[in-house]
Amino acid sequence: MALDQAKKQEIIAKYARGENDTGSTEVQIALITERIIYLTEHLKINKKDHSSRLGLLKLVGQRKRLMRYLKSRDLARWNIIKTDMGIRG
């Protein structure tokens, strides 16, 4: 399982812009990044799991699109999330 409920709530609380914010761009990027980290570790152990590899590539593409959107909307928040999550580009 990728994320348990406690970890997910912790991430949402950290990156939410408001009290009931669960779907802002920053929250989505943070949740996807955690799933990417989990899948990367999984694939280090299970090298032949090609369906998970495909899911990982889809998540990376989705995160890239969200990062591009955030960069066009608010460059300051993009820089904060990029450095905080350790995303290269």
Protein backbone atom coordinates (compact mmCIF):
# COMPACT_ATOMS: atom_id res chain seq x y z
CA MET A 1 0.00 0.00 0.00
CA ALA A 2 1.34 3.38 -0.96
CA LEU A 3 0.22 5.80 1.76
CA ASP A 4 -1.57 5.14 5.01
CA GLN A 5 -4.20 7.60 6.20
CA ALA A 6 -2.03 9.15 8.93
CA LYS A 7 0.85 9.90 6.54
CA LYS A 8 -1.59 11.35 4.00
CA GLN A 9 -3.20 13.63 6.61
CA GLU A 10 0.25 14.78 7.74
CA ILE A 11 1.21 15.74 4.18
CA ILE A 12 -2.11 17.52 3.62
CA ALA A 13 -1.73 19.46 6.87
CA LYS A 14 1.80 20.54 5.93
CA TYR A 15 1.07 21.78 2.40
CA ALA A 16 -2.56 22.92 2.66
CA ARG A 17 -3.22 26.60 2.07
CA GLY A 18 -6.37 26.65 4.17
CA GLU A 19 -8.17 24.59 6.79
CA ASN A 20 -10.20 22.42 4.41
CA ASP A 21 -7.72 22.44 1.54
CA THR A 22 -7.08 18.93 0.24
CA GLY A 23 -6.82 19.48 -3.49
CA SER A 24 -4.56 22.45 -4.08
CA THR A 25 -1.70 22.03 -6.49
CA GLU A 26 0.89 21.91 -3.71
CA VAL A 27 -0.97 19.15 -1.85
CA GLN A 28 -1.36 17.12 -5.04
CA ILE A 29 2.35 17.45 -5.86
CA ALA A 30 3.35 16.44 -2.33
CA LEU A 31 1.09 13.36 -2.35
CA ILE A 32 2.29 12.28 -5.79
CA THR A 33 5.91 12.75 -4.72
CA GLU A 34 5.40 10.47 -1.72
CA ARG A 35 3.87 7.82 -3.99
CA ILE A 36 6.80 8.19 -6.40
CA ILE A 37 9.27 7.67 -3.55
CA TYR A 38 7.38 4.57 -2.40
CA LEU A 39 7.24 3.08 -5.91
CA THR A 40 10.91 3.81 -6.50
CA GLU A 41 11.85 1.85 -3.38
CA HIS A 42 9.47 -0.94 -4.41
CA LEU A 43 11.05 -1.20 -7.84
CA LYS A 44 14.55 -1.42 -6.36
CA ILE A 45 13.45 -4.68 -4.73
CA ASN A 46 11.09 -5.95 -7.46
CA LYS A 47 12.97 -5.24 -10.66
CA LYS A 48 10.57 -7.16 -12.93
CA ASP A 49 7.37 -5.45 -11.77
CA HIS A 50 6.63 -3.71 -15.04
CA SER A 51 3.06 -2.70 -14.20
CA SER A 52 4.32 -0.71 -11.20
CA ARG A 53 7.01 0.81 -13.40
CA LEU A 54 4.30 2.00 -15.81
CA GLY A 55 2.35 3.49 -12.90
CA LEU A 56 5.51 5.25 -11.72
CA LEU A 57 6.05 6.80 -15.14
CA LYS A 58 2.45 8.01 -15.22
CA LEU A 59 2.84 9.59 -11.78
CA VAL A 60 6.05 11.33 -12.81
CA GLY A 61 4.30 12.76 -15.87
CA GLN A 62 1.33 13.92 -13.81
CA ARG A 63 3.62 15.61 -11.28
CA LYS A 64 5.52 17.28 -14.12
CA ARG A 65 2.30 18.71 -15.52
CA LEU A 66 1.23 19.99 -12.09
CA MET A 67 4.66 21.56 -11.56
CA ARG A 68 4.44 23.30 -14.94
CA TYR A 69 0.98 24.64 -14.03
CA LEU A 70 2.17 25.88 -10.63
CA LYS A 71 5.22 27.53 -12.21
CA SER A 72 3.01 29.46 -14.62
CA ARG A 73 0.62 30.55 -11.85
CA ASP A 74 2.89 31.31 -8.87
CA LEU A 75 6.67 31.12 -9.20
CA ALA A 76 7.31 31.67 -5.47
CA ARG A 77 5.17 28.70 -4.41
CA TRP A 78 6.78 26.62 -7.20
CA ASN A 79 10.25 27.37 -5.81
CA ILE A 80 9.15 26.51 -2.28
CA ILE A 81 7.59 23.15 -3.20
CA LYS A 82 10.50 22.29 -5.51
CA THR A 83 13.16 22.82 -2.86
CA ASP A 84 11.08 21.32 -0.05
CA MET A 85 10.28 18.10 -1.92
CA GLY A 86 13.69 17.81 -3.57
CA ILE A 87 12.35 17.92 -7.13
CA ARG A 88 14.96 18.74 -9.73
CA GLY A 89 13.13 20.54 -12.36
